[in-house]
């Protein structure tokens, strides 16, 4: 039976942390871009209006 060579995916925990932070930052940027769209703002206005009408 052949043994598989184990390869390290990440070189260090610092690299893992760096990648996680980069991913989080990118996610925040994308969320903000969606929030800034006119379509999204229109949905928010409608939701606020509905909330006011329920009170």
N, C-alpha and C. Protein backbone atom coordinates (compact mmCIF):
# COMPACT_ATOMS: atom_id res chain seq x y z
N UNK A 1 0.85 -1.18 0.00
CA UNK A 1 0.00 0.00 0.00
C UNK A 1 0.90 1.25 0.00
N UNK A 2 0.50 2.21 -0.81
CA UNK A 2 1.29 3.43 -0.97
C UNK A 2 0.87 4.48 0.05
N UNK A 3 1.82 5.17 0.64
CA UNK A 3 1.47 6.26 1.54
C UNK A 3 1.43 7.56 0.75
N UNK A 4 0.45 8.36 1.08
CA UNK A 4 0.30 9.64 0.38
C UNK A 4 1.22 10.68 1.00
N UNK A 5 1.77 11.49 0.15
CA UNK A 5 2.58 12.60 0.65
C UNK A 5 1.66 13.66 1.22
N UNK A 6 1.92 14.03 2.44
CA UNK A 6 1.10 15.07 3.06
C UNK A 6 1.71 16.42 2.73
N UNK A 7 0.87 17.30 2.23
CA UNK A 7 1.34 18.64 1.91
C UNK A 7 0.62 19.64 2.81
N UNK A 8 1.35 20.59 3.28
CA UNK A 8 0.76 21.63 4.11
C UNK A 8 0.06 22.62 3.19
N UNK A 9 -1.21 22.86 3.48
CA UNK A 9 -1.97 23.80 2.66
C UNK A 9 -1.52 25.23 2.94
N UNK A 10 -1.38 25.54 4.22
CA UNK A 10 -0.92 26.87 4.61
C UNK A 10 0.43 26.75 5.30
N UNK A 11 1.27 27.69 5.06
CA UNK A 11 2.61 27.65 5.63
C UNK A 11 2.62 27.99 7.13
N UNK A 12 1.74 28.88 7.54
CA UNK A 12 1.75 29.27 8.94
C UNK A 12 0.37 29.77 9.37
N UNK A 13 0.19 29.86 10.67
CA UNK A 13 -1.08 30.38 11.17
C UNK A 13 -1.23 31.86 10.81
N UNK A 14 -0.10 32.56 10.71
CA UNK A 14 -0.16 33.97 10.32
C UNK A 14 -0.78 34.13 8.93
N UNK A 15 -0.44 33.23 8.04
CA UNK A 15 -0.98 33.28 6.68
C UNK A 15 -2.49 32.99 6.71
N UNK A 16 -2.91 32.04 7.52
CA UNK A 16 -4.33 31.73 7.65
C UNK A 16 -5.09 32.95 8.15
N UNK A 17 -4.56 33.57 9.19
CA UNK A 17 -5.20 34.76 9.76
C UNK A 17 -5.25 35.88 8.73
N UNK A 18 -4.18 36.07 8.01
CA UNK A 18 -4.14 37.10 6.98
C UNK A 18 -5.20 36.86 5.91
N UNK A 19 -5.33 35.62 5.48
CA UNK A 19 -6.34 35.29 4.47
C UNK A 19 -7.76 35.48 4.99
N UNK A 20 -7.97 35.12 6.24
CA UNK A 20 -9.30 35.30 6.84
C UNK A 20 -9.67 36.78 6.93
N UNK A 21 -8.72 37.59 7.36
CA UNK A 21 -8.97 39.03 7.46
C UNK A 21 -9.23 39.64 6.08
N UNK A 22 -8.47 39.20 5.10
CA UNK A 22 -8.66 39.70 3.73
C UNK A 22 -10.05 39.32 3.22
N UNK A 23 -10.46 38.10 3.49
CA UNK A 23 -11.78 37.63 3.07
C UNK A 23 -12.88 38.45 3.74
N UNK A 24 -12.71 38.70 5.04
CA UNK A 24 -13.70 39.49 5.78
C UNK A 24 -13.79 40.91 5.22
N UNK A 25 -12.63 41.50 4.93
CA UNK A 25 -12.60 42.85 4.38
C UNK A 25 -13.30 42.90 3.03
N UNK A 26 -13.02 41.91 2.19
CA UNK A 26 -13.65 41.85 0.87
C UNK A 26 -15.17 41.70 0.99
N UNK A 27 -15.59 40.89 1.94
CA UNK A 27 -17.02 40.69 2.17
C UNK A 27 -17.70 42.00 2.59
N UNK A 28 -17.03 42.75 3.46
CA UNK A 28 -17.58 44.05 3.89
C UNK A 28 -17.70 45.01 2.71
N UNK A 29 -16.70 45.03 1.86
CA UNK A 29 -16.73 45.90 0.68
C UNK A 29 -17.90 45.53 -0.22
N UNK A 30 -18.09 44.24 -0.45
CA UNK A 30 -19.19 43.79 -1.30
C UNK A 30 -20.54 44.12 -0.68
N UNK A 31 -20.65 43.95 0.63
CA UNK A 31 -21.91 44.29 1.31
C UNK A 31 -22.21 45.78 1.17
N UNK A 32 -21.20 46.59 1.34
CA UNK A 32 -21.39 48.04 1.22
C UNK A 32 -21.79 48.42 -0.20
N UNK A 33 -21.20 47.76 -1.18
CA UNK A 33 -21.54 48.05 -2.58
C UNK A 33 -23.00 47.71 -2.85
N UNK A 34 -23.48 46.59 -2.30
CA UNK A 34 -24.89 46.23 -2.47
C UNK A 34 -25.78 47.24 -1.77
N UNK A 35 -25.39 47.64 -0.57
CA UNK A 35 -26.18 48.59 0.21
C UNK A 35 -26.30 49.93 -0.51
N UNK A 36 -25.27 50.32 -1.21
CA UNK A 36 -25.24 51.60 -1.90
C UNK A 36 -26.06 51.64 -3.18
N UNK A 37 -26.52 50.52 -3.66
CA UNK A 37 -27.27 50.52 -4.92
C UNK A 37 -28.64 51.17 -4.73
N UNK A 38 -29.12 51.79 -5.77
CA UNK A 38 -30.43 52.45 -5.73
C UNK A 38 -31.54 51.44 -5.47
N UNK A 39 -31.42 50.28 -6.07
CA UNK A 39 -32.44 49.23 -5.89
C UNK A 39 -32.56 48.83 -4.42
N UNK A 40 -31.43 48.65 -3.76
CA UNK A 40 -31.44 48.28 -2.35
C UNK A 40 -32.02 49.39 -1.49
N UNK A 41 -31.68 50.62 -1.80
CA UNK A 41 -32.21 51.77 -1.05
C UNK A 41 -33.72 51.87 -1.20
N UNK A 42 -34.21 51.55 -2.38
CA UNK A 42 -35.66 51.57 -2.62
C UNK A 42 -36.36 50.51 -1.76
N UNK A 43 -35.76 49.35 -1.66
CA UNK A 43 -36.32 48.27 -0.83
C UNK A 43 -36.36 48.72 0.64
N UNK A 44 -35.28 49.35 1.09
CA UNK A 44 -35.25 49.85 2.47
C UNK A 44 -36.35 50.89 2.72
N UNK A 45 -36.54 51.78 1.76
CA UNK A 45 -37.59 52.79 1.91
C UNK A 45 -38.97 52.13 2.03
N UNK A 46 -39.20 51.13 1.21
CA UNK A 46 -40.49 50.43 1.25
C UNK A 46 -40.68 49.71 2.58
N UNK A 47 -39.64 49.07 3.07
CA UNK A 47 -39.72 48.39 4.36
C UNK A 47 -39.99 49.36 5.50
N UNK A 48 -39.33 50.50 5.46
CA UNK A 48 -39.56 51.52 6.50
C UNK A 48 -41.00 52.01 6.45
N UNK A 49 -41.50 52.20 5.23
CA UNK A 49 -42.87 52.67 5.07
C UNK A 49 -43.86 51.64 5.62
N UNK A 50 -43.62 50.38 5.32
CA UNK A 50 -44.50 49.33 5.82
C UNK A 50 -44.46 49.25 7.34
N UNK A 51 -43.30 49.45 7.89
CA UNK A 51 -43.14 49.42 9.35
C UNK A 51 -43.93 50.56 9.99
N UNK A 52 -43.88 51.73 9.38
CA UNK A 52 -44.62 52.88 9.89
C UNK A 52 -46.12 52.64 9.82
N UNK A 53 -46.56 52.03 8.73
CA UNK A 53 -47.99 51.78 8.55
C UNK A 53 -48.53 50.77 9.56
N UNK A 54 -47.71 49.84 9.99
CA UNK A 54 -48.13 48.84 10.96
C UNK A 54 -48.36 49.42 12.34
N UNK A 55 -47.66 50.50 12.67
CA UNK A 55 -47.77 51.10 14.01
C UNK A 55 -49.05 51.82 14.22
